[in-house]
Amino acid sequence: MDFPIVDPNTDDYESLQWDIVFCDVHESDFGKKVHLSSPFGAKDVIKDLEWEATHRTWDENAEMWAMDLDAVGRAAVHLDEAGYSIAATKSVGQALDE
């Protein structure tokens, strides 16, 4: 699935035109992860993502969902099918291309 790659001038992802933004690639003890900026209403759809395939968890410090970087494509399809508009930051796009 293709989705827009954005280079926002803000960390306020909720102010952007997309419902869900894959953002903030970071290293964890378990490899590269990405945060999801998402509305509260998306939590059940995100929780429906297969944990074994995405390792999605709630990151209390960031107040965002986090998942494996290599699960972004699978998650994007699932979220798109649930009716959410999706984008990714430039840093996520670059990490996916690596």
N, C-alpha and C. Protein backbone atom coordinates (compact mmCIF):
# COMPACT_ATOMS: atom_id res chain seq x y z
N MET A 1 0.84 -1.18 0.00
CA MET A 1 0.00 0.00 0.00
C MET A 1 0.88 1.23 0.00
N ASP A 2 0.54 2.18 -0.81
CA ASP A 2 1.23 3.46 -0.82
C ASP A 2 0.45 4.44 0.04
N PHE A 3 1.17 5.26 0.79
CA PHE A 3 0.53 6.30 1.57
C PHE A 3 1.41 7.52 1.54
N PRO A 4 0.86 8.70 1.82
CA PRO A 4 1.63 9.93 1.74
C PRO A 4 2.79 9.96 2.73
N ILE A 5 3.92 10.47 2.25
CA ILE A 5 5.07 10.73 3.11
C ILE A 5 5.07 12.23 3.36
N VAL A 6 5.03 12.62 4.61
CA VAL A 6 4.93 14.04 4.95
C VAL A 6 6.15 14.47 5.76
N ASP A 7 6.46 15.72 5.66
CA ASP A 7 7.57 16.30 6.42
C ASP A 7 7.00 17.45 7.23
N PRO A 8 6.27 17.11 8.30
CA PRO A 8 5.57 18.17 9.04
C PRO A 8 6.53 19.09 9.77
N ASN A 9 6.12 20.31 9.92
CA ASN A 9 6.89 21.29 10.68
C ASN A 9 6.42 21.32 12.13
N THR A 10 5.80 20.25 12.55
CA THR A 10 5.22 20.21 13.88
C THR A 10 5.29 18.81 14.46
N ASP A 11 5.28 18.71 15.77
CA ASP A 11 5.13 17.42 16.43
C ASP A 11 3.67 17.20 16.81
N ASP A 12 2.83 18.16 16.50
CA ASP A 12 1.40 18.07 16.79
C ASP A 12 0.73 17.35 15.63
N TYR A 13 0.92 16.04 15.55
CA TYR A 13 0.42 15.26 14.42
C TYR A 13 -1.09 15.29 14.34
N GLU A 14 -1.76 15.52 15.46
CA GLU A 14 -3.22 15.56 15.46
C GLU A 14 -3.76 16.77 14.68
N SER A 15 -2.90 17.77 14.45
CA SER A 15 -3.34 18.95 13.72
C SER A 15 -3.26 18.74 12.20
N LEU A 16 -2.66 17.65 11.77
CA LEU A 16 -2.52 17.38 10.35
C LEU A 16 -3.80 16.79 9.79
N GLN A 17 -3.89 16.66 8.48
CA GLN A 17 -5.13 16.22 7.84
C GLN A 17 -5.34 14.72 7.86
N TRP A 18 -4.38 13.94 8.36
CA TRP A 18 -4.52 12.49 8.38
C TRP A 18 -4.94 12.03 9.77
N ASP A 19 -5.70 10.93 9.78
CA ASP A 19 -6.14 10.38 11.06
C ASP A 19 -4.98 9.76 11.82
N ILE A 20 -4.15 9.01 11.09
CA ILE A 20 -3.04 8.28 11.72
C ILE A 20 -1.75 8.61 10.99
N VAL A 21 -0.73 8.94 11.77
CA VAL A 21 0.58 9.24 11.21
C VAL A 21 1.60 8.31 11.85
N PHE A 22 2.30 7.55 11.01
CA PHE A 22 3.43 6.75 11.48
C PHE A 22 4.60 7.72 11.62
N CYS A 23 5.16 7.83 12.82
CA CYS A 23 6.19 8.84 13.07
C CYS A 23 7.23 8.31 14.05
N ASP A 24 8.28 9.04 14.21
CA ASP A 24 9.27 8.80 15.26
C ASP A 24 9.87 7.39 15.25
N VAL A 25 10.72 7.12 14.28
CA VAL A 25 11.46 5.86 14.26
C VAL A 25 12.47 5.90 15.40
N HIS A 26 12.51 4.84 16.19
CA HIS A 26 13.45 4.80 17.30
C HIS A 26 13.90 3.36 17.57
N GLU A 27 15.05 3.24 18.18
CA GLU A 27 15.59 1.93 18.54
C GLU A 27 15.03 1.53 19.90
N SER A 28 14.73 0.26 20.03
CA SER A 28 14.32 -0.29 21.32
C SER A 28 15.19 -1.52 21.59
N ASP A 29 14.98 -2.13 22.71
CA ASP A 29 15.70 -3.36 23.03
C ASP A 29 15.33 -4.48 22.05
N PHE A 30 14.26 -4.29 21.31
CA PHE A 30 13.75 -5.31 20.40
C PHE A 30 13.84 -4.91 18.94
N GLY A 31 14.66 -3.90 18.62
CA GLY A 31 14.83 -3.46 17.23
C GLY A 31 14.16 -2.12 16.98
N LYS A 32 14.06 -1.79 15.69
CA LYS A 32 13.47 -0.50 15.30
C LYS A 32 11.97 -0.53 15.48
N LYS A 33 11.49 0.54 16.10
CA LYS A 33 10.06 0.72 16.34
C LYS A 33 9.62 2.04 15.72
N VAL A 34 8.34 2.19 15.53
CA VAL A 34 7.76 3.43 15.04
C VAL A 34 6.53 3.74 15.89
N HIS A 35 6.32 5.02 16.16
CA HIS A 35 5.13 5.44 16.90
C HIS A 35 4.00 5.73 15.93
N LEU A 36 2.79 5.61 16.44
CA LEU A 36 1.59 5.96 15.68
C LEU A 36 0.87 7.08 16.42
N SER A 37 0.73 8.20 15.75
CA SER A 37 -0.12 9.25 16.27
C SER A 37 -1.52 8.92 15.77
N SER A 38 -2.43 8.71 16.70
CA SER A 38 -3.76 8.25 16.30
C SER A 38 -4.82 8.78 17.26
N PRO A 39 -6.05 8.90 16.77
CA PRO A 39 -7.13 9.33 17.65
C PRO A 39 -7.51 8.21 18.62
N PHE A 40 -8.08 8.58 19.74
CA PHE A 40 -8.49 7.59 20.73
C PHE A 40 -9.41 6.54 20.12
N GLY A 41 -10.27 6.97 19.22
CA GLY A 41 -11.23 6.06 18.60
C GLY A 41 -10.60 4.95 17.79
N ALA A 42 -9.33 5.07 17.45
CA ALA A 42 -8.65 4.04 16.66
C ALA A 42 -8.06 2.94 17.52
N LYS A 43 -8.13 3.10 18.83
CA LYS A 43 -7.44 2.15 19.71
C LYS A 43 -7.90 0.71 19.52
N ASP A 44 -9.17 0.48 19.33
CA ASP A 44 -9.64 -0.89 19.17
C ASP A 44 -9.17 -1.49 17.84
N VAL A 45 -9.11 -0.68 16.80
CA VAL A 45 -8.61 -1.16 15.51
C VAL A 45 -7.13 -1.48 15.62
N ILE A 46 -6.39 -0.65 16.33
CA ILE A 46 -4.97 -0.91 16.54
C ILE A 46 -4.78 -2.15 17.39
N LYS A 47 -5.61 -2.30 18.41
CA LYS A 47 -5.51 -3.49 19.27
C LYS A 47 -5.87 -4.76 18.52
N ASP A 48 -6.63 -4.64 17.42
CA ASP A 48 -6.97 -5.80 16.60
C ASP A 48 -5.79 -6.28 15.75
N LEU A 49 -4.75 -5.44 15.62
CA LEU A 49 -3.56 -5.87 14.87
C LEU A 49 -2.93 -7.06 15.57
N GLU A 50 -2.58 -8.07 14.81
CA GLU A 50 -1.99 -9.28 15.39
C GLU A 50 -0.70 -8.93 16.12
N TRP A 51 -0.66 -9.20 17.40
CA TRP A 51 0.50 -8.85 18.21
C TRP A 51 1.76 -9.55 17.72
N GLU A 52 1.65 -10.82 17.38
CA GLU A 52 2.82 -11.58 16.92
C GLU A 52 3.46 -10.94 15.69
N ALA A 53 2.66 -10.32 14.84
CA ALA A 53 3.17 -9.74 13.59
C ALA A 53 3.64 -8.30 13.75
N THR A 54 3.10 -7.59 14.74
CA THR A 54 3.39 -6.16 14.86
C THR A 54 4.10 -5.78 16.16
N HIS A 55 3.91 -6.58 17.20
CA HIS A 55 4.40 -6.27 18.55
C HIS A 55 3.94 -4.88 18.99
N ARG A 56 2.69 -4.56 18.66
CA ARG A 56 2.14 -3.25 19.01
C ARG A 56 1.93 -3.17 20.52
N THR A 57 2.33 -2.03 21.06
CA THR A 57 2.17 -1.77 22.49
C THR A 57 1.88 -0.30 22.69
N TRP A 58 1.29 0.02 23.81
CA TRP A 58 1.06 1.41 24.17
C TRP A 58 2.32 1.93 24.85
N ASP A 59 2.91 2.98 24.32
CA ASP A 59 4.09 3.61 24.91
C ASP A 59 3.59 4.74 25.79
N GLU A 60 3.55 4.48 27.09
CA GLU A 60 3.00 5.45 28.04
C GLU A 60 3.79 6.75 28.05
N ASN A 61 5.12 6.67 27.91
CA ASN A 61 5.95 7.87 27.93
C ASN A 61 5.66 8.78 26.75
N ALA A 62 5.50 8.20 25.57
CA ALA A 62 5.23 8.99 24.37
C ALA A 62 3.74 9.28 24.20
N GLU A 63 2.91 8.54 24.93
CA GLU A 63 1.46 8.62 24.79
C GLU A 63 1.02 8.33 23.36
N MET A 64 1.66 7.29 22.79
CA MET A 64 1.36 6.83 21.43
C MET A 64 1.53 5.31 21.39
N TRP A 65 0.90 4.70 20.40
CA TRP A 65 1.15 3.30 20.14
C TRP A 65 2.52 3.17 19.49
N ALA A 66 3.17 2.05 19.70
CA ALA A 66 4.44 1.74 19.06
C ALA A 66 4.33 0.34 18.46
N MET A 67 5.03 0.13 17.34
CA MET A 67 5.07 -1.20 16.73
C MET A 67 6.37 -1.36 15.98
N ASP A 68 6.64 -2.59 15.55
CA ASP A 68 7.84 -2.86 14.78
C ASP A 68 7.80 -2.07 13.48
N LEU A 69 8.94 -1.54 13.10
CA LEU A 69 9.03 -0.79 11.84
C LEU A 69 8.60 -1.65 10.66
N ASP A 70 9.01 -2.91 10.66
CA ASP A 70 8.67 -3.76 9.52
C ASP A 70 7.20 -4.17 9.48
N ALA A 71 6.41 -3.74 10.44
CA ALA A 71 4.97 -4.03 10.45
C ALA A 71 4.14 -2.87 9.92
N VAL A 72 4.79 -1.78 9.52
CA VAL A 72 4.06 -0.58 9.08
C VAL A 72 3.14 -0.89 7.90
N GLY A 73 3.64 -1.61 6.91
CA GLY A 73 2.82 -1.92 5.73
C GLY A 73 1.56 -2.69 6.09
N ARG A 74 1.72 -3.72 6.90
CA ARG A 74 0.58 -4.55 7.35
C ARG A 74 -0.41 -3.69 8.13
N ALA A 75 0.11 -2.86 9.03
CA ALA A 75 -0.76 -2.01 9.85
C ALA A 75 -1.48 -0.98 8.98
N ALA A 76 -0.77 -0.42 8.01
CA ALA A 76 -1.37 0.59 7.13
C ALA A 76 -2.56 0.02 6.37
N VAL A 77 -2.42 -1.18 5.86
CA VAL A 77 -3.52 -1.82 5.13
C VAL A 77 -4.71 -2.03 6.07
N HIS A 78 -4.46 -2.54 7.25
CA HIS A 78 -5.52 -2.79 8.23
C HIS A 78 -6.24 -1.50 8.61
N LEU A 79 -5.47 -0.45 8.87
CA LEU A 79 -6.06 0.83 9.27
C LEU A 79 -6.81 1.49 8.12
N ASP A 80 -6.28 1.38 6.91
CA ASP A 80 -6.95 1.92 5.73
C ASP A 80 -8.29 1.20 5.51
N GLU A 81 -8.28 -0.12 5.64
CA GLU A 81 -9.51 -0.89 5.47
C GLU A 81 -10.55 -0.54 6.54
N ALA A 82 -10.08 -0.06 7.69
CA ALA A 82 -11.00 0.36 8.76
C ALA A 82 -11.49 1.78 8.55
N GLY A 83 -11.02 2.45 7.47
CA GLY A 83 -11.53 3.77 7.14
C GLY A 83 -10.69 4.95 7.61
N TYR A 84 -9.49 4.69 8.11
CA TYR A 84 -8.63 5.77 8.58
C TYR A 84 -7.71 6.26 7.47
N SER A 85 -7.52 7.58 7.40
CA SER A 85 -6.53 8.11 6.47
C SER A 85 -5.16 8.02 7.13
N ILE A 86 -4.15 7.71 6.33
CA ILE A 86 -2.84 7.36 6.86
C ILE A 86 -1.75 8.14 6.14
N ALA A 87 -0.72 8.51 6.90
CA ALA A 87 0.49 9.11 6.34
C ALA A 87 1.66 8.65 7.19
N ALA A 88 2.85 8.89 6.70
CA ALA A 88 4.07 8.58 7.45
C ALA A 88 5.01 9.76 7.32
N THR A 89 5.80 9.99 8.35
CA THR A 89 6.77 11.08 8.27
C THR A 89 7.92 10.65 7.36
N LYS A 90 8.66 11.63 6.90
CA LYS A 90 9.78 11.40 6.02
C LYS A 90 10.78 10.41 6.65
N SER A 91 11.01 10.53 7.95
CA SER A 91 11.97 9.62 8.60
C SER A 91 11.48 8.17 8.56
N VAL A 92 10.19 7.96 8.66
CA VAL A 92 9.65 6.59 8.55
C VAL A 92 9.81 6.10 7.12
N GLY A 93 9.50 6.94 6.16
CA GLY A 93 9.66 6.56 4.76
C GLY A 93 11.10 6.18 4.45
N GLN A 94 12.05 6.95 4.96
CA GLN A 94 13.46 6.64 4.72
C GLN A 94 13.85 5.34 5.40
N ALA A 95 13.38 5.11 6.61
CA ALA A 95 13.71 3.87 7.33
C ALA A 95 13.11 2.65 6.61
N LEU A 96 11.93 2.81 6.03
CA LEU A 96 11.30 1.71 5.30
C LEU A 96 12.07 1.39 4.02
N ASP A 97 12.68 2.40 3.43
CA ASP A 97 13.45 2.21 2.20
C ASP A 97 14.79 1.53 2.45
N GLU A 98 15.27 1.57 3.69
CA GLU A 98 16.58 0.97 4.01
C GLU A 98 16.54 -0.54 4.01
